[in-house]
PDB file of N, CA and C in Angstrom:
ATOM      1  N   MET A   1      28.043  21.106   2.275  1.00  0.00           N
ATOM      2  CA  MET A   1      27.778  20.264   3.349  1.00  0.00           C
ATOM      3  C   MET A   1      27.489  18.968   2.664  1.00  0.00           C
ATOM      4  N   HIS A   2      28.114  17.914   3.255  1.00  0.00           N
ATOM      5  CA  HIS A   2      28.132  16.456   2.626  1.00  0.00           C
ATOM      6  C   HIS A   2      27.038  15.980   3.649  1.00  0.00           C
ATOM      7  N   ARG A   3      26.007  15.434   3.207  1.00  0.00           N
ATOM      8  CA  ARG A   3      25.196  14.591   3.697  1.00  0.00           C
ATOM      9  C   ARG A   3      24.810  13.165   3.369  1.00  0.00           C
ATOM     10  N   SER A   4      24.610  12.204   4.571  1.00  0.00           N
ATOM     11  CA  SER A   4      24.859  11.063   4.400  1.00  0.00           C
ATOM     12  C   SER A   4      23.528  10.525   3.701  1.00  0.00           C
ATOM     13  N   PRO A   5      23.670   9.347   2.527  1.00  0.00           N
ATOM     14  CA  PRO A   5      22.396   8.994   2.457  1.00  0.00           C
ATOM     15  C   PRO A   5      21.422   8.284   3.213  1.00  0.00           C
ATOM     16  N   ALA A   6      21.949   7.732   4.444  1.00  0.00           N
ATOM     17  CA  ALA A   6      21.405   7.118   5.220  1.00  0.00           C
ATOM     18  C   ALA A   6      20.618   8.226   6.192  1.00  0.00           C
ATOM     19  N   LEU A   7      21.004   9.288   6.234  1.00  0.00           N
ATOM     20  CA  LEU A   7      19.980  10.462   6.862  1.00  0.00           C
ATOM     21  C   LEU A   7      19.169  10.921   6.125  1.00  0.00           C
ATOM     22  N   THR A   8      19.242  10.880   4.694  1.00  0.00           N
ATOM     23  CA  THR A   8      18.653  11.360   3.883  1.00  0.00           C
ATOM     24  C   THR A   8      17.445  10.138   4.064  1.00  0.00           C
ATOM     25  N   LEU A   9      17.573   8.926   3.740  1.00  0.00           N
ATOM     26  CA  LEU A   9      16.506   7.810   3.764  1.00  0.00           C
ATOM     27  C   LEU A   9      15.750   8.125   5.064  1.00  0.00           C
ATOM     28  N   ARG A  10      16.458   8.093   6.232  1.00  0.00           N
ATOM     29  CA  ARG A  10      16.011   8.286   7.371  1.00  0.00           C
ATOM     30  C   ARG A  10      14.738   9.767   7.604  1.00  0.00           C
ATOM     31  N   THR A  11      15.338  10.700   7.067  1.00  0.00           N
ATOM     32  CA  THR A  11      14.381  11.663   6.999  1.00  0.00           C
ATOM     33  C   THR A  11      13.129  11.427   6.078  1.00  0.00           C
ATOM     34  N   ALA A  12      13.145  10.832   4.954  1.00  0.00           N
ATOM     35  CA  ALA A  12      12.101  10.501   4.101  1.00  0.00           C
ATOM     36  C   ALA A  12      11.317   9.707   4.883  1.00  0.00           C
ATOM     37  N   LEU A  13      12.066   8.452   5.528  1.00  0.00           N
ATOM     38  CA  LEU A  13      11.200   7.737   6.170  1.00  0.00           C
ATOM     39  C   LEU A  13      10.204   7.965   7.442  1.00  0.00           C
ATOM     40  N   LEU A  14      10.873   9.398   8.081  1.00  0.00           N
ATOM     41  CA  LEU A  14      10.186   9.669   9.235  1.00  0.00           C
ATOM     42  C   LEU A  14       9.080  10.651   8.545  1.00  0.00           C
ATOM     43  N   SER A  15       9.278  11.257   7.770  1.00  0.00           N
ATOM     44  CA  SER A  15       8.492  12.193   6.983  1.00  0.00           C
ATOM     45  C   SER A  15       7.151  11.330   6.492  1.00  0.00           C
ATOM     46  N   LEU A  16       7.249  10.124   6.049  1.00  0.00           N
ATOM     47  CA  LEU A  16       6.383   9.018   5.270  1.00  0.00           C
ATOM     48  C   LEU A  16       5.468   8.610   6.573  1.00  0.00           C
ATOM     49  N   GLN A  17       6.182   8.281   7.648  1.00  0.00           N
ATOM     50  CA  GLN A  17       5.217   8.012   8.989  1.00  0.00           C
ATOM     51  C   GLN A  17       4.553   9.060   9.490  1.00  0.00           C
ATOM     52  N   ALA A  18       5.057  10.340   9.305  1.00  0.00           N
ATOM     53  CA  ALA A  18       4.293  11.270  10.294  1.00  0.00           C
ATOM     54  C   ALA A  18       2.988  11.693   9.183  1.00  0.00           C
ATOM     55  N   LEU A  19       3.152  11.446   7.783  1.00  0.00           N
ATOM     56  CA  LEU A  19       1.906  11.608   6.943  1.00  0.00           C
ATOM     57  C   LEU A  19       1.058  10.684   7.215  1.00  0.00           C
ATOM     58  N   LEU A  20       1.478   9.435   7.345  1.00  0.00           N
ATOM     59  CA  LEU A  20       0.853   8.291   7.466  1.00  0.00           C
ATOM     60  C   LEU A  20      -0.097   8.335   8.881  1.00  0.00           C
ATOM     61  N   SER A  21       0.489   8.701  10.030  1.00  0.00           N
ATOM     62  CA  SER A  21      -0.383   8.782  11.072  1.00  0.00           C
ATOM     63  C   SER A  21      -1.065  10.099  11.630  1.00  0.00           C
ATOM     64  N   CYS A  22      -0.922  11.046  10.688  1.00  0.00           N
ATOM     65  CA  CYS A  22      -1.648  12.168  10.883  1.00  0.00           C
ATOM     66  C   CYS A  22      -1.748  12.925   9.506  1.00  0.00           C
ATOM     67  N   PRO A  23      -2.862  11.970   8.622  1.00  0.00           N
ATOM     68  CA  PRO A  23      -2.920  12.824   7.302  1.00  0.00           C
ATOM     69  C   PRO A  23      -3.429  14.218   7.299  1.00  0.00           C
ATOM     70  N   ASN A  24      -3.264  15.194   6.493  1.00  0.00           N
ATOM     71  CA  ASN A  24      -3.550  16.476   6.480  1.00  0.00           C
ATOM     72  C   ASN A  24      -4.404  16.904   5.298  1.00  0.00           C
ATOM     73  N   PRO A  25      -6.040  16.403   5.457  1.00  0.00           N
ATOM     74  CA  PRO A  25      -6.578  16.449   4.321  1.00  0.00           C
ATOM     75  C   PRO A  25      -6.947  17.929   3.826  1.00  0.00           C
ATOM     76  N   ASP A  26      -6.480  19.123   4.557  1.00  0.00           N
ATOM     77  CA  ASP A  26      -6.654  20.332   3.899  1.00  0.00           C
ATOM     78  C   ASP A  26      -5.414  20.563   2.776  1.00  0.00           C
ATOM     79  N   ASP A  27      -4.471  19.851   2.990  1.00  0.00           N
ATOM     80  CA  ASP A  27      -3.480  19.724   1.942  1.00  0.00           C
ATOM     81  C   ASP A  27      -3.085  18.424   1.302  1.00  0.00           C
ATOM     82  N   PRO A  28      -4.166  18.098   0.287  1.00  0.00           N
ATOM     83  CA  PRO A  28      -4.047  16.687  -0.349  1.00  0.00           C
ATOM     84  C   PRO A  28      -3.183  16.572  -1.396  1.00  0.00           C
ATOM     85  N   GLN A  29      -2.956  15.244  -1.470  1.00  0.00           N
ATOM     86  CA  GLN A  29      -2.238  14.922  -2.638  1.00  0.00           C
ATOM     87  C   GLN A  29      -3.298  14.673  -3.837  1.00  0.00           C
ATOM     88  N   ASP A  30      -4.323  13.788  -3.202  1.00  0.00           N
ATOM     89  CA  ASP A  30      -5.816  13.762  -4.204  1.00  0.00           C
ATOM     90  C   ASP A  30      -6.876  14.081  -3.511  1.00  0.00           C
ATOM     91  N   GLY A  31      -7.547  15.005  -4.066  1.00  0.00           N
ATOM     92  CA  GLY A  31      -8.670  16.097  -3.489  1.00  0.00           C
ATOM     93  C   GLY A  31      -9.590  15.114  -3.378  1.00  0.00           C
ATOM     94  N   GLN A  32     -10.066  14.262  -4.164  1.00  0.00           N
ATOM     95  CA  GLN A  32     -11.088  13.237  -4.060  1.00  0.00           C
ATOM     96  C   GLN A  32     -11.097  12.365  -2.840  1.00  0.00           C
ATOM     97  N   VAL A  33      -9.912  11.983  -2.592  1.00  0.00           N
ATOM     98  CA  VAL A  33      -9.576  11.128  -0.972  1.00  0.00           C
ATOM     99  C   VAL A  33      -9.777  11.753  -0.058  1.00  0.00           C
ATOM    100  N   ALA A  34      -9.282  12.850  -0.155  1.00  0.00           N
ATOM    101  CA  ALA A  34      -9.168  13.889   1.034  1.00  0.00           C
ATOM    102  C   ALA A  34     -10.834  14.340   1.232  1.00  0.00           C
ATOM    103  N   GLY A  35     -11.710  14.550   0.254  1.00  0.00           N
ATOM    104  CA  GLY A  35     -13.210  14.821   0.428  1.00  0.00           C
ATOM    105  C   GLY A  35     -13.604  13.932   0.958  1.00  0.00           C
ATOM    106  N   GLN A  36     -13.470  12.743   0.659  1.00  0.00           N
ATOM    107  CA  GLN A  36     -14.000  11.323   1.005  1.00  0.00           C
ATOM    108  C   GLN A  36     -13.597  11.254   2.639  1.00  0.00           C
ATOM    109  N   TYR A  37     -12.369  11.354   3.284  1.00  0.00           N
ATOM    110  CA  TYR A  37     -11.649  11.373   4.367  1.00  0.00           C
ATOM    111  C   TYR A  37     -12.764  12.419   5.458  1.00  0.00           C
ATOM    112  N   LYS A  38     -12.873  13.766   4.848  1.00  0.00           N
ATOM    113  CA  LYS A  38     -13.484  14.764   5.464  1.00  0.00           C
ATOM    114  C   LYS A  38     -14.827  14.403   5.493  1.00  0.00           C
ATOM    115  N   LYS A  39     -15.638  14.068   4.687  1.00  0.00           N
ATOM    116  CA  LYS A  39     -17.311  14.009   4.795  1.00  0.00           C
ATOM    117  C   LYS A  39     -17.849  12.671   4.938  1.00  0.00           C
ATOM    118  N   ALA A  40     -17.102  11.384   4.736  1.00  0.00           N
ATOM    119  CA  ALA A  40     -17.260  10.216   5.165  1.00  0.00           C
ATOM    120  C   ALA A  40     -16.436   9.210   5.483  1.00  0.00           C
ATOM    121  N   LYS A  41     -15.930   9.782   6.678  1.00  0.00           N
ATOM    122  CA  LYS A  41     -14.680   8.671   7.226  1.00  0.00           C
ATOM    123  C   LYS A  41     -14.856   7.363   7.260  1.00  0.00           C
ATOM    124  N   ALA A  42     -16.100   7.086   7.374  1.00  0.00           N
ATOM    125  CA  ALA A  42     -16.216   5.398   7.611  1.00  0.00           C
ATOM    126  C   ALA A  42     -15.886   4.872   6.312  1.00  0.00           C
ATOM    127  N   GLU A  43     -16.483   5.472   5.239  1.00  0.00           N
ATOM    128  CA  GLU A  43     -16.543   4.982   3.888  1.00  0.00           C
ATOM    129  C   GLU A  43     -15.045   5.107   3.385  1.00  0.00           C
ATOM    130  N   PHE A  44     -14.101   5.885   3.883  1.00  0.00           N
ATOM    131  CA  PHE A  44     -12.643   6.285   3.381  1.00  0.00           C
ATOM    132  C   PHE A  44     -12.116   5.053   3.965  1.00  0.00           C
ATOM    133  N   GLU A  45     -12.386   4.862   5.394  1.00  0.00           N
ATOM    134  CA  GLU A  45     -11.852   3.867   6.089  1.00  0.00           C
ATOM    135  C   GLU A  45     -11.679   2.268   5.407  1.00  0.00           C
ATOM    136  N   ARG A  46     -12.978   2.182   5.137  1.00  0.00           N
ATOM    137  CA  ARG A  46     -13.208   0.619   4.223  1.00  0.00           C
ATOM    138  C   ARG A  46     -12.607   0.701   3.095  1.00  0.00           C
ATOM    139  N   THR A  47     -12.527   1.844   2.094  1.00  0.00           N
ATOM    140  CA  THR A  47     -11.716   1.780   1.177  1.00  0.00           C
ATOM    141  C   THR A  47     -10.423   1.656   1.388  1.00  0.00           C
ATOM    142  N   ALA A  48      -9.952   2.405   2.283  1.00  0.00           N
ATOM    143  CA  ALA A  48      -8.467   2.353   2.541  1.00  0.00           C
ATOM    144  C   ALA A  48      -7.950   0.702   2.881  1.00  0.00           C
ATOM    145  N   LYS A  49      -9.057   0.314   3.576  1.00  0.00           N
ATOM    146  CA  LYS A  49      -8.720  -1.432   4.180  1.00  0.00           C
ATOM    147  C   LYS A  49      -8.672  -1.942   3.066  1.00  0.00           C
ATOM    148  N   PHE A  50      -9.837  -1.903   1.955  1.00  0.00           N
ATOM    149  CA  PHE A  50      -9.694  -2.857   1.084  1.00  0.00           C
ATOM    150  C   PHE A  50      -8.582  -2.789   0.092  1.00  0.00           C
ATOM    151  N   TRP A  51      -8.031  -1.350  -0.434  1.00  0.00           N
ATOM    152  CA  TRP A  51      -7.084  -1.251  -1.329  1.00  0.00           C
ATOM    153  C   TRP A  51      -5.753  -1.936  -0.651  1.00  0.00           C
ATOM    154  N   THR A  52      -5.574  -1.700   0.781  1.00  0.00           N
ATOM    155  CA  THR A  52      -4.734  -2.357   1.481  1.00  0.00           C
ATOM    156  C   THR A  52      -4.433  -3.635   1.378  1.00  0.00           C
ATOM    157  N   GLU A  53      -5.792  -4.472   1.660  1.00  0.00           N
ATOM    158  CA  GLU A  53      -5.739  -5.893   1.564  1.00  0.00           C
ATOM    159  C   GLU A  53      -5.467  -6.307   0.442  1.00  0.00           C
ATOM    160  N   MET A  54      -6.162  -5.691  -0.834  1.00  0.00           N
ATOM    161  CA  MET A  54      -5.867  -6.066  -2.355  1.00  0.00           C
ATOM    162  C   MET A  54      -4.446  -5.821  -2.907  1.00  0.00           C
ATOM    163  N   TYR A  55      -3.732  -4.814  -2.309  1.00  0.00           N
ATOM    164  CA  TYR A  55      -2.302  -4.427  -3.055  1.00  0.00           C
ATOM    165  C   TYR A  55      -1.112  -4.462  -2.240  1.00  0.00           C
ATOM    166  N   ALA A  56      -1.411  -4.460  -0.711  1.00  0.00           N
ATOM    167  CA  ALA A  56      -0.422  -4.421   0.014  1.00  0.00           C
ATOM    168  C   ALA A  56      -0.256  -5.496   1.001  1.00  0.00           C
ATOM    169  N   VAL A  57      -1.101  -6.269   1.213  1.00  0.00           N
ATOM    170  CA  VAL A  57      -0.932  -7.563   2.017  1.00  0.00           C
ATOM    171  C   VAL A  57      -0.585  -8.741   1.307  1.00  0.00           C
ATOM    172  N   GLN A  58       0.682  -9.421   1.451  1.00  0.00           N
ATOM    173  CA  GLN A  58       1.061 -10.571   0.825  1.00  0.00           C
ATOM    174  C   GLN A  58      -0.024 -11.698   1.024  1.00  0.00           C
ATOM    175  N   LYS A  59      -0.164 -12.030   0.037  1.00  0.00           N
ATOM    176  CA  LYS A  59      -1.214 -13.167  -0.114  1.00  0.00           C
ATOM    177  C   LYS A  59      -0.177 -14.682   0.181  1.00  0.00           C
ATOM    178  N   LYS A  60      -1.064 -15.336   0.899  1.00  0.00           N
ATOM    179  CA  LYS A  60      -0.678 -16.945   1.101  1.00  0.00           C
ATOM    180  C   LYS A  60      -0.642 -17.770   0.031  1.00  0.00           C
ATOM    181  N   VAL A  61       0.329 -18.071  -0.269  1.00  0.00           N
ATOM    182  CA  VAL A  61       0.137 -19.225  -1.581  1.00  0.00           C
ATOM    183  C   VAL A  61       0.663 -20.654  -1.280  1.00  0.00           C
ATOM    184  N   ASP A  62      -0.170 -21.439  -1.920  1.00  0.00           N
ATOM    185  CA  ASP A  62       0.317 -22.774  -1.643  1.00  0.00           C
ATOM    186  C   ASP A  62       1.302 -23.143  -2.781  1.00  0.00           C
ATOM    187  N   VAL A  63       2.407 -23.146  -2.446  1.00  0.00           N
ATOM    188  CA  VAL A  63       3.345 -23.219  -3.302  1.00  0.00           C
ATOM    189  C   VAL A  63       3.468 -24.509  -4.027  1.00  0.00           C
ATOM    190  N   ALA A  64       3.060 -25.714  -3.608  1.00  0.00           N
ATOM    191  CA  ALA A  64       2.951 -27.073  -4.264  1.00  0.00           C
ATOM    192  C   ALA A  64       2.154 -26.769  -5.161  1.00  0.00           C
ATOM    193  N   ALA A  65       0.725 -26.301  -4.965  1.00  0.00           N
ATOM    194  CA  ALA A  65      -0.431 -26.275  -5.864  1.00  0.00           C
ATOM    195  C   ALA A  65      -0.205 -25.389  -7.040  1.00  0.00           C
ATOM    196  N   ALA A  66       0.711 -24.222  -6.682  1.00  0.00           N
ATOM    197  CA  ALA A  66       0.919 -23.404  -7.729  1.00  0.00           C
ATOM    198  C   ALA A  66       2.044 -23.911  -8.477  1.00  0.00           C
ATOM    199  N   VAL A  67       3.011 -24.426  -8.175  1.00  0.00           N
ATOM    200  CA  VAL A  67       3.832 -25.244  -9.046  1.00  0.00           C
ATOM    201  C   VAL A  67       3.089 -26.295 -10.124  1.00  0.00           C
ATOM    202  N   LYS A  68       2.329 -26.786  -9.106  1.00  0.00           N
ATOM    203  CA  LYS A  68       1.758 -28.146 -10.262  1.00  0.00           C
ATOM    204  C   LYS A  68       0.462 -27.297 -11.104  1.00  0.00           C
ATOM    205  N   LYS A  69       0.190 -26.362 -10.585  1.00  0.00           N
ATOM    206  CA  LYS A  69      -0.641 -25.475 -11.704  1.00  0.00           C
ATOM    207  C   LYS A  69       0.354 -24.962 -12.910  1.00  0.00           C
ATOM    208  N   VAL A  70       1.580 -24.578 -12.566  1.00  0.00           N
ATOM    209  CA  VAL A  70       2.342 -24.000 -13.714  1.00  0.00           C
ATOM    210  C   VAL A  70       2.709 -25.033 -14.837  1.00  0.00           C
ATOM    211  N   ARG A  71       2.944 -25.981 -13.837  1.00  0.00           N
ATOM    212  CA  ARG A  71       3.373 -27.666 -14.928  1.00  0.00           C
ATOM    213  C   ARG A  71       2.377 -28.069 -16.020  1.00  0.00           C
ATOM    214  N   GLU A  72       1.302 -28.134 -15.024  1.00  0.00           N
ATOM    215  CA  GLU A  72       0.027 -28.467 -16.144  1.00  0.00           C
ATOM    216  C   GLU A  72      -0.674 -27.453 -17.436  1.00  0.00           C
ATOM    217  N   THR A  73      -0.428 -26.005 -16.750  1.00  0.00           N
ATOM    218  CA  THR A  73      -1.118 -25.292 -17.711  1.00  0.00           C
ATOM    219  C   THR A  73      -0.268 -24.164 -18.470  1.00  0.00           C
ATOM    220  N   GLY A  74       1.184 -24.037 -17.692  1.00  0.00           N
ATOM    221  CA  GLY A  74       2.082 -23.303 -18.604  1.00  0.00           C
ATOM    222  C   GLY A  74       1.820 -21.774 -18.099  1.00  0.00           C
ATOM    223  N   ASN A  75       0.544 -21.643 -17.056  1.00  0.00           N
ATOM    224  CA  ASN A  75       0.470 -20.280 -16.471  1.00  0.00           C
ATOM    225  C   ASN A  75       1.380 -19.821 -15.222  1.00  0.00           C
ATOM    226  N   THR A  76       1.656 -18.475 -15.351  1.00  0.00           N
ATOM    227  CA  THR A  76       2.496 -18.080 -14.239  1.00  0.00           C
ATOM    228  C   THR A  76       2.069 -18.228 -12.861  1.00  0.00           C
ATOM    229  N   VAL A  77       2.568 -18.302 -11.778  1.00  0.00           N
ATOM    230  CA  VAL A  77       1.765 -18.248 -10.322  1.00  0.00           C
ATOM    231  C   VAL A  77       0.931 -17.316 -10.166  1.00  0.00           C
ATOM    232  N   GLU A  78       1.233 -15.972 -10.473  1.00  0.00           N
ATOM    233  CA  GLU A  78       0.461 -15.192 -10.362  1.00  0.00           C
ATOM    234  C   GLU A  78      -1.144 -15.053 -10.803  1.00  0.00           C
ATOM    235  N   ASP A  79      -0.977 -15.966 -12.051  1.00  0.00           N
ATOM    236  CA  ASP A  79      -2.124 -16.305 -12.301  1.00  0.00           C
ATOM    237  C   ASP A  79      -3.373 -17.048 -11.531  1.00  0.00           C
ATOM    238  N   SER A  80      -2.308 -17.839 -10.573  1.00  0.00           N
ATOM    239  CA  SER A  80      -3.509 -18.683  -9.884  1.00  0.00           C
ATOM    240  C   SER A  80      -4.202 -18.332  -9.009  1.00  0.00           C
TER     241      SER A  80
END
């Protein structure tokens, strides 16, 4: 049976959405995180928020200031 790549991608995205909306700490990928989720949910939520803000939220960049800094110092925009 031939499956469409779009159907496979759709299925993967639906599965990911289900995992994110209803985590299952009794069958975890990471036991330490699952333990925190079960024993200290407020701390878990603070940690999740921190990691999301740190690595998943796009930071606003003052492009003009970043370009000026690159020209002046030779550093990359990520260093600013």
